[in-house]
């Protein structure tokens, strides 16, 4: 089962990364521990991990990647991330990318589940980056359905440290705002404060 959402979300993220100026690297993001540079380093790490999972070339002894760090952002991040997004999309094109069990982020899980996590990471961190840059951000209904399914798999005690407690939003909230709130982020966050 191919996930075209990987392609749409990665393409959108690639466009956002192209918009990042050097002056933006110190900007705050909705991820309270990350400035833009640290977020880009985190994105670079997960793109590599999900690409290796899709091609089934991951190192079985590799643990979870370290947290993103502005100090670790590689000098060629612009071209490196552009190449990384293209490789990620290519890795998940073949049907067999979705078969079997793979290791990603230090966890072993069905390949199809890894694809779901990749989409969640691309969409939510795409939103984070767009908010930090004060850019508009939209996602597709298919991507949001994947995120809804992703968060539907976890109870309140299974969220780990990667997500804050789910926030409440009004019944009329936009689907993207609901997805953001499910991750523990504030849909009203803005770079202006």
C-alpha atoms as a PDB file:
ATOM      1  CA  UNK A   1       0.000   0.000   0.000  1.00  0.00           C
ATOM      2  CA  UNK A   2       1.855   3.065  -1.231  1.00  0.00           C
ATOM      3  CA  UNK A   3       1.439   6.214   0.830  1.00  0.00           C
ATOM      4  CA  UNK A   4       1.271   9.228  -1.514  1.00  0.00           C
ATOM      5  CA  UNK A   5       1.050  11.366   1.616  1.00  0.00           C
ATOM      6  CA  UNK A   6       4.807  10.934   2.047  1.00  0.00           C
ATOM      7  CA  UNK A   7       5.340  12.616  -1.301  1.00  0.00           C
ATOM      8  CA  UNK A   8       2.942  15.505  -0.684  1.00  0.00           C
ATOM      9  CA  UNK A   9       4.193  16.191   2.843  1.00  0.00           C
ATOM     10  CA  UNK A  10       7.874  15.917   1.863  1.00  0.00           C
ATOM     11  CA  UNK A  11       7.347  18.231  -1.112  1.00  0.00           C
ATOM     12  CA  UNK A  12       5.691  20.834   1.093  1.00  0.00           C
ATOM     13  CA  UNK A  13       8.474  20.552   3.672  1.00  0.00           C
ATOM     14  CA  UNK A  14      11.119  20.923   0.950  1.00  0.00           C
ATOM     15  CA  UNK A  15       9.485  24.169  -0.146  1.00  0.00           C
ATOM     16  CA  UNK A  16       9.548  25.504   3.400  1.00  0.00           C
ATOM     17  CA  UNK A  17      13.214  24.610   3.836  1.00  0.00           C
ATOM     18  CA  UNK A  18      14.029  26.518   0.629  1.00  0.00           C
ATOM     19  CA  UNK A  19      12.464  29.599   2.274  1.00  0.00           C
ATOM     20  CA  UNK A  20      14.758  29.503   5.325  1.00  0.00           C
ATOM     21  CA  UNK A  21      17.330  32.312   5.390  1.00  0.00           C
ATOM     22  CA  UNK A  22      20.413  32.254   7.573  1.00  0.00           C
ATOM     23  CA  UNK A  23      18.792  35.026   9.622  1.00  0.00           C
ATOM     24  CA  UNK A  24      15.909  32.645  10.435  1.00  0.00           C
ATOM     25  CA  UNK A  25      18.047  29.951  12.055  1.00  0.00           C
ATOM     26  CA  UNK A  26      17.764  31.368  15.571  1.00  0.00           C
ATOM     27  CA  UNK A  27      13.999  31.912  15.436  1.00  0.00           C
ATOM     28  CA  UNK A  28      11.845  30.143  18.015  1.00  0.00           C
ATOM     29  CA  UNK A  29       9.565  27.294  16.919  1.00  0.00           C
ATOM     30  CA  UNK A  30       6.459  25.717  18.473  1.00  0.00           C
ATOM     31  CA  UNK A  31       8.800  22.908  19.614  1.00  0.00           C
ATOM     32  CA  UNK A  32       9.916  24.662  22.784  1.00  0.00           C
ATOM     33  CA  UNK A  33      13.355  23.002  22.848  1.00  0.00           C
ATOM     34  CA  UNK A  34      14.147  23.823  19.213  1.00  0.00           C
ATOM     35  CA  UNK A  35      15.105  26.963  17.361  1.00  0.00           C
ATOM     36  CA  UNK A  36      14.828  26.709  13.556  1.00  0.00           C
ATOM     37  CA  UNK A  37      18.407  25.414  13.211  1.00  0.00           C
ATOM     38  CA  UNK A  38      17.805  22.654  15.779  1.00  0.00           C
ATOM     39  CA  UNK A  39      14.501  21.765  14.120  1.00  0.00           C
ATOM     40  CA  UNK A  40      16.261  21.487  10.743  1.00  0.00           C
ATOM     41  CA  UNK A  41      18.851  19.183  12.319  1.00  0.00           C
ATOM     42  CA  UNK A  42      16.039  17.038  13.743  1.00  0.00           C
ATOM     43  CA  UNK A  43      14.306  16.943  10.347  1.00  0.00           C
ATOM     44  CA  UNK A  44      17.584  15.922   8.701  1.00  0.00           C
ATOM     45  CA  UNK A  45      17.944  13.077  11.195  1.00  0.00           C
ATOM     46  CA  UNK A  46      14.464  11.669  10.804  1.00  0.00           C
ATOM     47  CA  UNK A  47      14.503  11.996   7.014  1.00  0.00           C
ATOM     48  CA  UNK A  48      17.651   9.853   6.944  1.00  0.00           C
ATOM     49  CA  UNK A  49      16.175   7.302   9.366  1.00  0.00           C
ATOM     50  CA  UNK A  50      12.897   6.980   7.462  1.00  0.00           C
ATOM     51  CA  UNK A  51      14.725   6.725   4.140  1.00  0.00           C
ATOM     52  CA  UNK A  52      16.852   3.873   5.495  1.00  0.00           C
ATOM     53  CA  UNK A  53      13.706   2.172   6.808  1.00  0.00           C
ATOM     54  CA  UNK A  54      11.977   2.489   3.425  1.00  0.00           C
ATOM     55  CA  UNK A  55      14.955   1.011   1.584  1.00  0.00           C
ATOM     56  CA  UNK A  56      15.504  -1.514   4.386  1.00  0.00           C
ATOM     57  CA  UNK A  57      19.129  -0.421   4.736  1.00  0.00           C
ATOM     58  CA  UNK A  58      18.924   0.694   8.367  1.00  0.00           C
ATOM     59  CA  UNK A  59      21.550  -0.363  10.872  1.00  0.00           C
ATOM     60  CA  UNK A  60      19.805  -2.861  13.193  1.00  0.00           C
ATOM     61  CA  UNK A  61      22.010  -1.813  16.115  1.00  0.00           C
ATOM     62  CA  UNK A  62      21.242   1.892  15.740  1.00  0.00           C
ATOM     63  CA  UNK A  63      19.249   3.492  18.516  1.00  0.00           C
ATOM     64  CA  UNK A  64      17.043   6.553  18.374  1.00  0.00           C
ATOM     65  CA  UNK A  65      18.647   9.618  16.826  1.00  0.00           C
ATOM     66  CA  UNK A  66      19.853  12.280  19.231  1.00  0.00           C
ATOM     67  CA  UNK A  67      17.674  15.349  19.700  1.00  0.00           C
ATOM     68  CA  UNK A  68      18.083  18.053  17.102  1.00  0.00           C
ATOM     69  CA  UNK A  69      20.820  20.563  17.847  1.00  0.00           C
ATOM     70  CA  UNK A  70      21.674  23.881  16.217  1.00  0.00           C
ATOM     71  CA  UNK A  71      25.335  23.035  16.838  1.00  0.00           C
ATOM     72  CA  UNK A  72      25.015  19.832  14.777  1.00  0.00           C
ATOM     73  CA  UNK A  73      23.234  21.320  11.756  1.00  0.00           C
ATOM     74  CA  UNK A  74      25.456  20.455   8.829  1.00  0.00           C
ATOM     75  CA  UNK A  75      26.923  23.231   6.713  1.00  0.00           C
ATOM     76  CA  UNK A  76      25.275  21.952   3.525  1.00  0.00           C
ATOM     77  CA  UNK A  77      21.828  21.638   5.122  1.00  0.00           C
ATOM     78  CA  UNK A  78      20.059  23.311   2.192  1.00  0.00           C
ATOM     79  CA  UNK A  79      21.267  20.866  -0.446  1.00  0.00           C
ATOM     80  CA  UNK A  80      21.464  17.993   2.010  1.00  0.00           C
ATOM     81  CA  UNK A  81      17.832  18.310   3.019  1.00  0.00           C
ATOM     82  CA  UNK A  82      16.679  18.785  -0.580  1.00  0.00           C
ATOM     83  CA  UNK A  83      18.482  15.563  -1.517  1.00  0.00           C
ATOM     84  CA  UNK A  84      17.133  13.885   1.606  1.00  0.00           C
ATOM     85  CA  UNK A  85      13.495  14.679   0.806  1.00  0.00           C
ATOM     86  CA  UNK A  86      13.943  13.315  -2.733  1.00  0.00           C
ATOM     87  CA  UNK A  87      15.550  10.133  -1.360  1.00  0.00           C
ATOM     88  CA  UNK A  88      12.766   9.727   1.219  1.00  0.00           C
ATOM     89  CA  UNK A  89      10.059   9.928  -1.440  1.00  0.00           C
ATOM     90  CA  UNK A  90      11.935   7.482  -3.684  1.00  0.00           C
ATOM     91  CA  UNK A  91      12.445   5.057  -0.791  1.00  0.00           C
ATOM     92  CA  UNK A  92       8.704   4.730  -0.196  1.00  0.00           C
ATOM     93  CA  UNK A  93       7.610   4.415  -3.832  1.00  0.00           C
ATOM     94  CA  UNK A  94       7.977   0.613  -4.193  1.00  0.00           C
ATOM     95  CA  UNK A  95       5.200  -1.519  -2.730  1.00  0.00           C
ATOM     96  CA  UNK A  96       7.726  -3.709  -0.934  1.00  0.00           C
ATOM     97  CA  UNK A  97       8.828  -0.721   1.182  1.00  0.00           C
ATOM     98  CA  UNK A  98       5.621  -1.332   3.154  1.00  0.00           C
ATOM     99  CA  UNK A  99       6.234  -5.012   3.854  1.00  0.00           C
ATOM    100  CA  UNK A 100       7.923  -6.724   6.750  1.00  0.00           C
ATOM    101  CA  UNK A 101       9.312  -5.313   9.951  1.00  0.00           C
ATOM    102  CA  UNK A 102      11.890  -2.537  10.018  1.00  0.00           C
ATOM    103  CA  UNK A 103      13.790  -0.560  12.614  1.00  0.00           C
ATOM    104  CA  UNK A 104      13.418   3.210  12.850  1.00  0.00           C
ATOM    105  CA  UNK A 105      14.206   5.559  15.700  1.00  0.00           C
ATOM    106  CA  UNK A 106      15.454   2.668  17.806  1.00  0.00           C
ATOM    107  CA  UNK A 107      12.156   0.763  17.562  1.00  0.00           C
ATOM    108  CA  UNK A 108      11.202  -2.266  15.513  1.00  0.00           C
ATOM    109  CA  UNK A 109       7.772  -2.073  13.930  1.00  0.00           C
ATOM    110  CA  UNK A 110       5.849  -2.990  10.790  1.00  0.00           C
ATOM    111  CA  UNK A 111       7.066  -1.014   7.777  1.00  0.00           C
ATOM    112  CA  UNK A 112       3.555   0.343   7.180  1.00  0.00           C
ATOM    113  CA  UNK A 113       3.585   1.823  10.708  1.00  0.00           C
ATOM    114  CA  UNK A 114       6.943   3.473  10.024  1.00  0.00           C
ATOM    115  CA  UNK A 115       5.421   5.134   6.953  1.00  0.00           C
ATOM    116  CA  UNK A 116       2.617   6.491   9.150  1.00  0.00           C
ATOM    117  CA  UNK A 117       5.135   7.943  11.616  1.00  0.00           C
ATOM    118  CA  UNK A 118       7.080   9.514   8.732  1.00  0.00           C
ATOM    119  CA  UNK A 119       3.935  11.285   7.533  1.00  0.00           C
ATOM    120  CA  UNK A 120       3.130  12.485  11.046  1.00  0.00           C
ATOM    121  CA  UNK A 121       6.657  13.862  11.462  1.00  0.00           C
ATOM    122  CA  UNK A 122       6.667  15.582   8.063  1.00  0.00           C
ATOM    123  CA  UNK A 123       3.294  17.233   8.564  1.00  0.00           C
ATOM    124  CA  UNK A 124       3.664  18.347  12.173  1.00  0.00           C
ATOM    125  CA  UNK A 125       7.250  19.539  11.830  1.00  0.00           C
ATOM    126  CA  UNK A 126       6.285  21.196   8.556  1.00  0.00           C
ATOM    127  CA  UNK A 127       3.671  23.105  10.537  1.00  0.00           C
ATOM    128  CA  UNK A 128       6.313  23.933  13.178  1.00  0.00           C
ATOM    129  CA  UNK A 129       8.677  25.302  10.545  1.00  0.00           C
ATOM    130  CA  UNK A 130       5.961  27.270   8.770  1.00  0.00           C
ATOM    131  CA  UNK A 131       4.863  28.858  12.036  1.00  0.00           C
ATOM    132  CA  UNK A 132       8.454  29.757  12.942  1.00  0.00           C
ATOM    133  CA  UNK A 133       8.881  31.407   9.526  1.00  0.00           C
ATOM    134  CA  UNK A 134       5.440  33.051   9.713  1.00  0.00           C
ATOM    135  CA  UNK A 135       4.370  31.278   6.515  1.00  0.00           C
ATOM    136  CA  UNK A 136       0.968  29.790   5.680  1.00  0.00           C
ATOM    137  CA  UNK A 137       0.662  26.021   5.959  1.00  0.00           C
ATOM    138  CA  UNK A 138      -1.959  23.643   4.631  1.00  0.00           C
ATOM    139  CA  UNK A 139      -2.033  19.877   4.561  1.00  0.00           C
ATOM    140  CA  UNK A 140      -4.162  17.432   2.643  1.00  0.00           C
ATOM    141  CA  UNK A 141      -7.191  15.653   4.094  1.00  0.00           C
ATOM    142  CA  UNK A 142      -5.390  12.344   3.458  1.00  0.00           C
ATOM    143  CA  UNK A 143      -2.375  13.456   5.508  1.00  0.00           C
ATOM    144  CA  UNK A 144      -4.620  14.603   8.342  1.00  0.00           C
ATOM    145  CA  UNK A 145      -6.459  11.272   8.300  1.00  0.00           C
ATOM    146  CA  UNK A 146      -3.108   9.522   8.782  1.00  0.00           C
ATOM    147  CA  UNK A 147      -2.296  11.780  11.739  1.00  0.00           C
ATOM    148  CA  UNK A 148      -5.722  11.164  13.241  1.00  0.00           C
ATOM    149  CA  UNK A 149      -5.124   7.430  12.942  1.00  0.00           C
ATOM    150  CA  UNK A 150      -1.624   7.818  14.418  1.00  0.00           C
ATOM    151  CA  UNK A 151      -2.817   9.612  17.558  1.00  0.00           C
ATOM    152  CA  UNK A 152      -5.828   7.323  17.811  1.00  0.00           C
ATOM    153  CA  UNK A 153      -3.451   4.436  18.490  1.00  0.00           C
ATOM    154  CA  UNK A 154      -2.162   5.929  21.751  1.00  0.00           C
ATOM    155  CA  UNK A 155      -3.806   6.376  25.097  1.00  0.00           C
ATOM    156  CA  UNK A 156      -2.900   9.328  27.343  1.00  0.00           C
ATOM    157  CA  UNK A 157      -0.256   7.239  29.138  1.00  0.00           C
ATOM    158  CA  UNK A 158       1.418   6.038  25.920  1.00  0.00           C
ATOM    159  CA  UNK A 159       2.434   9.370  24.406  1.00  0.00           C
ATOM    160  CA  UNK A 160       5.992   9.413  25.738  1.00  0.00           C
ATOM    161  CA  UNK A 161       8.029  12.608  25.916  1.00  0.00           C
ATOM    162  CA  UNK A 162       7.716  13.485  22.219  1.00  0.00           C
ATOM    163  CA  UNK A 163       4.190  14.869  22.641  1.00  0.00           C
ATOM    164  CA  UNK A 164       2.572  17.056  25.223  1.00  0.00           C
ATOM    165  CA  UNK A 165      -0.893  16.412  26.586  1.00  0.00           C
ATOM    166  CA  UNK A 166      -3.572  16.769  23.951  1.00  0.00           C
ATOM    167  CA  UNK A 167      -5.042  20.269  23.869  1.00  0.00           C
ATOM    168  CA  UNK A 168      -8.727  20.956  23.519  1.00  0.00           C
ATOM    169  CA  UNK A 169      -9.998  22.929  20.550  1.00  0.00           C
ATOM    170  CA  UNK A 170     -13.500  24.056  19.729  1.00  0.00           C
ATOM    171  CA  UNK A 171     -15.913  21.873  17.803  1.00  0.00           C
ATOM    172  CA  UNK A 172     -15.534  24.138  14.766  1.00  0.00           C
ATOM    173  CA  UNK A 173     -11.725  23.957  14.698  1.00  0.00           C
ATOM    174  CA  UNK A 174     -10.057  23.367  11.350  1.00  0.00           C
ATOM    175  CA  UNK A 175      -8.829  19.772  10.801  1.00  0.00           C
ATOM    176  CA  UNK A 176      -5.173  20.891  10.809  1.00  0.00           C
ATOM    177  CA  UNK A 177      -5.691  22.735  14.109  1.00  0.00           C
ATOM    178  CA  UNK A 178      -7.224  19.568  15.583  1.00  0.00           C
ATOM    179  CA  UNK A 179      -4.202  17.513  14.426  1.00  0.00           C
ATOM    180  CA  UNK A 180      -1.789  20.050  15.896  1.00  0.00           C
ATOM    181  CA  UNK A 181      -3.704  20.094  19.186  1.00  0.00           C
ATOM    182  CA  UNK A 182      -3.649  16.283  19.357  1.00  0.00           C
ATOM    183  CA  UNK A 183       0.163  16.484  19.348  1.00  0.00           C
ATOM    184  CA  UNK A 184       0.102  18.792  22.371  1.00  0.00           C
ATOM    185  CA  UNK A 185       0.961  21.916  20.363  1.00  0.00           C
ATOM    186  CA  UNK A 186      -0.951  25.167  20.541  1.00  0.00           C
ATOM    187  CA  UNK A 187      -2.629  25.761  17.158  1.00  0.00           C
ATOM    188  CA  UNK A 188      -2.582  29.511  17.882  1.00  0.00           C
ATOM    189  CA  UNK A 189       1.216  29.626  18.334  1.00  0.00           C
ATOM    190  CA  UNK A 190       2.908  32.322  16.292  1.00  0.00           C
ATOM    191  CA  UNK A 191       6.431  33.612  15.900  1.00  0.00           C
ATOM    192  CA  UNK A 192       5.209  37.012  17.121  1.00  0.00           C
ATOM    193  CA  UNK A 193       4.447  35.501  20.517  1.00  0.00           C
END
